[in-house]
Amino acid sequence: MNAATAFVALGGNLGDRLATLRSAVTQLAAHPAIDIGKRSQVYETAPVGPSNEPFLNAAVRVATSLPPRGLLEVLHDVERAHGRERRVRWDARTLDLDLLLFFAEGQDTPLLSDDPQCRLPHPSMLERDFVLTPLVDLLPGLVLRGTSLAAHLTALPDPARTVLRCVGEL
């Protein structure tokens, strides 16, 4: 497979959170155009928004022959298969899959896209420790906006910090 590389964030705070994240990875891996690579640790995080239940968050590296919007469609299909309902922004959810970064085959810089349906890199990922922490597990040295992901994470102010603890492997 001629493959691009993408990084996908996973999260959820309803039901058996860890089982749901693992099931989502299994379902993604079953897709003929997706190969799952390295997986981050899983982190429990305080909720952002109206939900009161803590989330589990992780990230995976994938190789794919799909274009970004095609991969995003697959991610949305997997969310729906796991009971995701989009009602209120940042509400409780069984599963949230976000396409964070997409590298075209042979490229070492991420694709930039202002497509309103598939903005890349993910527009708010540098402001969220629950996204950056697992992503730094996979790609600490990547430089975005002139700074490494690890340095973006370190620079987040205390009020933006939500990670409570590492709960283990995905």
C-alpha atoms as a PDB file:
ATOM      1  CA  MET A   1       0.000   0.000   0.000  1.00  0.00           C
ATOM      2  CA  ASN A   2       1.266   3.455  -0.913  1.00  0.00           C
ATOM      3  CA  ALA A   3       0.741   5.082   2.408  1.00  0.00           C
ATOM      4  CA  ALA A   4       0.385   8.456   3.974  1.00  0.00           C
ATOM      5  CA  THR A   5       0.929   8.747   7.723  1.00  0.00           C
ATOM      6  CA  ALA A   6      -1.724  10.171   9.990  1.00  0.00           C
ATOM      7  CA  PHE A   7      -2.145  10.681  13.711  1.00  0.00           C
ATOM      8  CA  VAL A   8      -5.541  10.124  15.276  1.00  0.00           C
ATOM      9  CA  ALA A   9      -6.696  11.145  18.763  1.00  0.00           C
ATOM     10  CA  LEU A  10      -9.117   8.880  20.625  1.00  0.00           C
ATOM     11  CA  GLY A  11     -11.236   9.816  23.599  1.00  0.00           C
ATOM     12  CA  GLY A  12     -14.395   8.919  25.441  1.00  0.00           C
ATOM     13  CA  ASN A  13     -16.042   9.162  28.828  1.00  0.00           C
ATOM     14  CA  LEU A  14     -19.132   6.949  28.703  1.00  0.00           C
ATOM     15  CA  GLY A  15     -19.371   3.214  29.298  1.00  0.00           C
ATOM     16  CA  ASP A  16     -16.285   1.001  29.455  1.00  0.00           C
ATOM     17  CA  ARG A  17     -13.952   3.713  28.216  1.00  0.00           C
ATOM     18  CA  LEU A  18     -10.816   1.604  27.758  1.00  0.00           C
ATOM     19  CA  ALA A  19     -12.705  -1.214  26.014  1.00  0.00           C
ATOM     20  CA  THR A  20     -14.266   1.334  23.669  1.00  0.00           C
ATOM     21  CA  LEU A  21     -10.904   2.875  22.751  1.00  0.00           C
ATOM     22  CA  ARG A  22      -9.413  -0.570  22.128  1.00  0.00           C
ATOM     23  CA  SER A  23     -12.444  -1.616  20.084  1.00  0.00           C
ATOM     24  CA  ALA A  24     -12.137   1.513  17.946  1.00  0.00           C
ATOM     25  CA  VAL A  25      -8.483   0.736  17.223  1.00  0.00           C
ATOM     26  CA  THR A  26      -9.443  -2.844  16.294  1.00  0.00           C
ATOM     27  CA  GLN A  27     -12.163  -1.583  13.960  1.00  0.00           C
ATOM     28  CA  LEU A  28      -9.786   0.899  12.325  1.00  0.00           C
ATOM     29  CA  ALA A  29      -7.178  -1.845  11.891  1.00  0.00           C
ATOM     30  CA  ALA A  30      -9.771  -4.006  10.133  1.00  0.00           C
ATOM     31  CA  HIS A  31     -10.223  -1.384   7.394  1.00  0.00           C
ATOM     32  CA  PRO A  32      -8.336  -2.455   4.230  1.00  0.00           C
ATOM     33  CA  ALA A  33      -6.837   1.019   3.700  1.00  0.00           C
ATOM     34  CA  ILE A  34      -5.592   1.509   7.278  1.00  0.00           C
ATOM     35  CA  ASP A  35      -2.672  -0.024   9.164  1.00  0.00           C
ATOM     36  CA  ILE A  36      -2.298   0.846  12.837  1.00  0.00           C
ATOM     37  CA  GLY A  37       1.211   1.689  13.937  1.00  0.00           C
ATOM     38  CA  LYS A  38       2.505   2.927  17.259  1.00  0.00           C
ATOM     39  CA  ARG A  39       0.001   3.574  20.055  1.00  0.00           C
ATOM     40  CA  SER A  40       0.339   6.068  22.886  1.00  0.00           C
ATOM     41  CA  GLN A  41      -0.312   5.430  26.516  1.00  0.00           C
ATOM     42  CA  VAL A  42      -3.878   6.016  27.723  1.00  0.00           C
ATOM     43  CA  TYR A  43      -4.484   9.023  29.960  1.00  0.00           C
ATOM     44  CA  GLU A  44      -7.386   9.810  32.237  1.00  0.00           C
ATOM     45  CA  THR A  45      -8.334  13.471  31.956  1.00  0.00           C
ATOM     46  CA  ALA A  46     -10.741  15.884  33.577  1.00  0.00           C
ATOM     47  CA  PRO A  47     -13.668  16.760  31.306  1.00  0.00           C
ATOM     48  CA  VAL A  48     -13.783  19.995  29.343  1.00  0.00           C
ATOM     49  CA  GLY A  49     -17.250  21.409  28.793  1.00  0.00           C
ATOM     50  CA  PRO A  50     -20.611  20.300  30.201  1.00  0.00           C
ATOM     51  CA  SER A  51     -19.731  16.669  30.981  1.00  0.00           C
ATOM     52  CA  ASN A  52     -18.854  15.657  34.545  1.00  0.00           C
ATOM     53  CA  GLU A  53     -17.265  12.259  33.891  1.00  0.00           C
ATOM     54  CA  PRO A  54     -13.500  11.935  33.304  1.00  0.00           C
ATOM     55  CA  PHE A  55     -12.296  10.960  29.846  1.00  0.00           C
ATOM     56  CA  LEU A  56      -9.730   8.480  28.647  1.00  0.00           C
ATOM     57  CA  ASN A  57      -7.543   9.838  25.844  1.00  0.00           C
ATOM     58  CA  ALA A  58      -4.951   8.257  23.589  1.00  0.00           C
ATOM     59  CA  ALA A  59      -3.490   8.582  20.085  1.00  0.00           C
ATOM     60  CA  VAL A  60      -2.403   6.245  17.312  1.00  0.00           C
ATOM     61  CA  ARG A  61      -0.195   6.505  14.270  1.00  0.00           C
ATOM     62  CA  VAL A  62      -1.774   5.086  11.139  1.00  0.00           C
ATOM     63  CA  ALA A  63      -0.580   4.350   7.638  1.00  0.00           C
ATOM     64  CA  THR A  64      -3.326   4.844   5.087  1.00  0.00           C
ATOM     65  CA  SER A  65      -3.970   4.967   1.370  1.00  0.00           C
ATOM     66  CA  LEU A  66      -7.013   7.170   2.033  1.00  0.00           C
ATOM     67  CA  PRO A  67      -6.985  10.930   1.510  1.00  0.00           C
ATOM     68  CA  PRO A  68      -7.601  13.051   4.621  1.00  0.00           C
ATOM     69  CA  ARG A  69     -11.357  13.474   4.085  1.00  0.00           C
ATOM     70  CA  GLY A  70     -11.719   9.755   3.344  1.00  0.00           C
ATOM     71  CA  LEU A  71      -9.913   8.895   6.561  1.00  0.00           C
ATOM     72  CA  LEU A  72     -12.078  11.360   8.488  1.00  0.00           C
ATOM     73  CA  GLU A  73     -15.204   9.678   7.080  1.00  0.00           C
ATOM     74  CA  VAL A  74     -13.942   6.322   8.335  1.00  0.00           C
ATOM     75  CA  LEU A  75     -13.285   7.860  11.766  1.00  0.00           C
ATOM     76  CA  HIS A  76     -16.863   9.167  11.885  1.00  0.00           C
ATOM     77  CA  ASP A  77     -18.196   5.733  10.850  1.00  0.00           C
ATOM     78  CA  VAL A  78     -16.266   4.121  13.726  1.00  0.00           C
ATOM     79  CA  GLU A  79     -17.624   6.727  16.143  1.00  0.00           C
ATOM     80  CA  ARG A  80     -21.199   5.984  15.047  1.00  0.00           C
ATOM     81  CA  ALA A  81     -20.589   2.229  15.339  1.00  0.00           C
ATOM     82  CA  HIS A  82     -19.660   2.867  18.983  1.00  0.00           C
ATOM     83  CA  GLY A  83     -22.816   4.837  19.752  1.00  0.00           C
ATOM     84  CA  ARG A  84     -21.497   8.370  19.238  1.00  0.00           C
ATOM     85  CA  GLU A  85     -24.230  10.971  19.035  1.00  0.00           C
ATOM     86  CA  ARG A  86     -23.318  14.568  18.216  1.00  0.00           C
ATOM     87  CA  ARG A  87     -25.637  16.780  20.250  1.00  0.00           C
ATOM     88  CA  VAL A  88     -23.842  19.401  22.329  1.00  0.00           C
ATOM     89  CA  ARG A  89     -20.239  20.445  21.753  1.00  0.00           C
ATOM     90  CA  TRP A  90     -17.891  18.885  24.338  1.00  0.00           C
ATOM     91  CA  ASP A  91     -20.706  16.813  25.830  1.00  0.00           C
ATOM     92  CA  ALA A  92     -20.198  13.309  27.213  1.00  0.00           C
ATOM     93  CA  ARG A  93     -19.541  10.748  24.483  1.00  0.00           C
ATOM     94  CA  THR A  94     -18.790   7.101  24.003  1.00  0.00           C
ATOM     95  CA  LEU A  95     -16.075   7.822  21.448  1.00  0.00           C
ATOM     96  CA  ASP A  96     -14.401  10.800  19.839  1.00  0.00           C
ATOM     97  CA  LEU A  97     -11.901  10.296  17.018  1.00  0.00           C
ATOM     98  CA  ASP A  98     -10.048  13.325  15.668  1.00  0.00           C
ATOM     99  CA  LEU A  99      -7.669  13.496  12.735  1.00  0.00           C
ATOM    100  CA  LEU A 100      -4.783  15.516  14.157  1.00  0.00           C
ATOM    101  CA  LEU A 101      -2.042  15.385  11.540  1.00  0.00           C
ATOM    102  CA  PHE A 102      -1.691  13.993   8.022  1.00  0.00           C
ATOM    103  CA  PHE A 103       1.619  13.501   6.211  1.00  0.00           C
ATOM    104  CA  ALA A 104       1.434  12.749   2.490  1.00  0.00           C
ATOM    105  CA  GLU A 105       3.525   9.774   1.403  1.00  0.00           C
ATOM    106  CA  GLY A 106       7.227  10.632   1.605  1.00  0.00           C
ATOM    107  CA  GLN A 107       6.652  14.004   3.290  1.00  0.00           C
ATOM    108  CA  ASP A 108       8.111  14.969   6.669  1.00  0.00           C
ATOM    109  CA  THR A 109       5.949  18.049   7.204  1.00  0.00           C
ATOM    110  CA  PRO A 110       2.232  17.752   7.875  1.00  0.00           C
ATOM    111  CA  LEU A 111      -0.352  18.675   5.302  1.00  0.00           C
ATOM    112  CA  LEU A 112      -1.982  22.070   5.806  1.00  0.00           C
ATOM    113  CA  SER A 113      -5.688  22.290   5.002  1.00  0.00           C
ATOM    114  CA  ASP A 114      -8.277  25.006   5.585  1.00  0.00           C
ATOM    115  CA  ASP A 115     -11.083  22.766   4.299  1.00  0.00           C
ATOM    116  CA  PRO A 116     -13.890  23.468   6.802  1.00  0.00           C
ATOM    117  CA  GLN A 117     -14.775  19.762   6.788  1.00  0.00           C
ATOM    118  CA  CYS A 118     -11.191  18.620   7.456  1.00  0.00           C
ATOM    119  CA  ARG A 119      -8.860  21.287   8.844  1.00  0.00           C
ATOM    120  CA  LEU A 120      -5.259  20.178   9.291  1.00  0.00           C
ATOM    121  CA  PRO A 121      -3.390  20.180  11.531  1.00  0.00           C
ATOM    122  CA  HIS A 122      -6.323  19.919  13.906  1.00  0.00           C
ATOM    123  CA  PRO A 123      -7.035  23.576  14.731  1.00  0.00           C
ATOM    124  CA  SER A 124      -7.042  23.401  18.534  1.00  0.00           C
ATOM    125  CA  MET A 125      -4.683  20.526  19.261  1.00  0.00           C
ATOM    126  CA  LEU A 126      -1.866  22.774  20.505  1.00  0.00           C
ATOM    127  CA  GLU A 127      -4.155  24.159  23.230  1.00  0.00           C
ATOM    128  CA  ARG A 128      -5.179  20.799  24.721  1.00  0.00           C
ATOM    129  CA  ASP A 129      -2.976  18.702  26.971  1.00  0.00           C
ATOM    130  CA  PHE A 130      -5.366  15.750  26.567  1.00  0.00           C
ATOM    131  CA  VAL A 131      -4.428  15.767  22.868  1.00  0.00           C
ATOM    132  CA  LEU A 132      -0.770  16.781  23.157  1.00  0.00           C
ATOM    133  CA  THR A 133       0.197  14.344  25.929  1.00  0.00           C
ATOM    134  CA  PRO A 134      -0.599  11.175  23.941  1.00  0.00           C
ATOM    135  CA  LEU A 135       0.668  12.760  20.720  1.00  0.00           C
ATOM    136  CA  VAL A 136       4.002  13.582  22.375  1.00  0.00           C
ATOM    137  CA  ASP A 137       4.283   9.856  23.209  1.00  0.00           C
ATOM    138  CA  LEU A 138       4.311   9.238  19.458  1.00  0.00           C
ATOM    139  CA  LEU A 139       5.954  12.305  17.957  1.00  0.00           C
ATOM    140  CA  PRO A 140       7.732  14.503  20.561  1.00  0.00           C
ATOM    141  CA  GLY A 141      10.113  16.253  18.198  1.00  0.00           C
ATOM    142  CA  LEU A 142       7.637  17.381  15.555  1.00  0.00           C
ATOM    143  CA  VAL A 143       7.806  21.155  15.154  1.00  0.00           C
ATOM    144  CA  LEU A 144       4.573  23.087  14.589  1.00  0.00           C
ATOM    145  CA  ARG A 145       4.442  26.874  14.567  1.00  0.00           C
ATOM    146  CA  GLY A 146       8.182  26.946  15.250  1.00  0.00           C
ATOM    147  CA  THR A 147       8.022  24.863  18.442  1.00  0.00           C
ATOM    148  CA  SER A 148       8.186  21.131  19.181  1.00  0.00           C
ATOM    149  CA  LEU A 149       5.028  19.385  20.350  1.00  0.00           C
ATOM    150  CA  ALA A 150       6.766  18.610  23.639  1.00  0.00           C
ATOM    151  CA  ALA A 151       7.537  22.315  24.141  1.00  0.00           C
ATOM    152  CA  HIS A 152       3.933  23.264  23.260  1.00  0.00           C
ATOM    153  CA  LEU A 153       2.792  20.835  25.958  1.00  0.00           C
ATOM    154  CA  THR A 154       5.224  22.205  28.548  1.00  0.00           C
ATOM    155  CA  ALA A 155       4.125  25.777  27.778  1.00  0.00           C
ATOM    156  CA  LEU A 156       0.425  25.188  28.466  1.00  0.00           C
ATOM    157  CA  PRO A 157      -0.786  27.217  31.445  1.00  0.00           C
ATOM    158  CA  ASP A 158      -2.025  25.382  34.541  1.00  0.00           C
ATOM    159  CA  PRO A 159      -5.716  26.217  33.933  1.00  0.00           C
ATOM    160  CA  ALA A 160      -5.484  24.378  30.575  1.00  0.00           C
ATOM    161  CA  ARG A 161      -4.145  21.175  32.153  1.00  0.00           C
ATOM    162  CA  THR A 162      -6.574  18.262  32.384  1.00  0.00           C
ATOM    163  CA  VAL A 163      -4.405  15.118  32.489  1.00  0.00           C
ATOM    164  CA  LEU A 164      -4.962  13.323  35.792  1.00  0.00           C
ATOM    165  CA  ARG A 165      -2.907  10.144  35.316  1.00  0.00           C
ATOM    166  CA  CYS A 166      -1.610   7.544  32.905  1.00  0.00           C
ATOM    167  CA  VAL A 167      -3.757   4.415  33.086  1.00  0.00           C
ATOM    168  CA  GLY A 168      -1.680   2.109  30.881  1.00  0.00           C
ATOM    169  CA  GLU A 169      -1.424   0.893  27.334  1.00  0.00           C
ATOM    170  CA  LEU A 170      -3.883   1.121  24.519  1.00  0.00           C
END
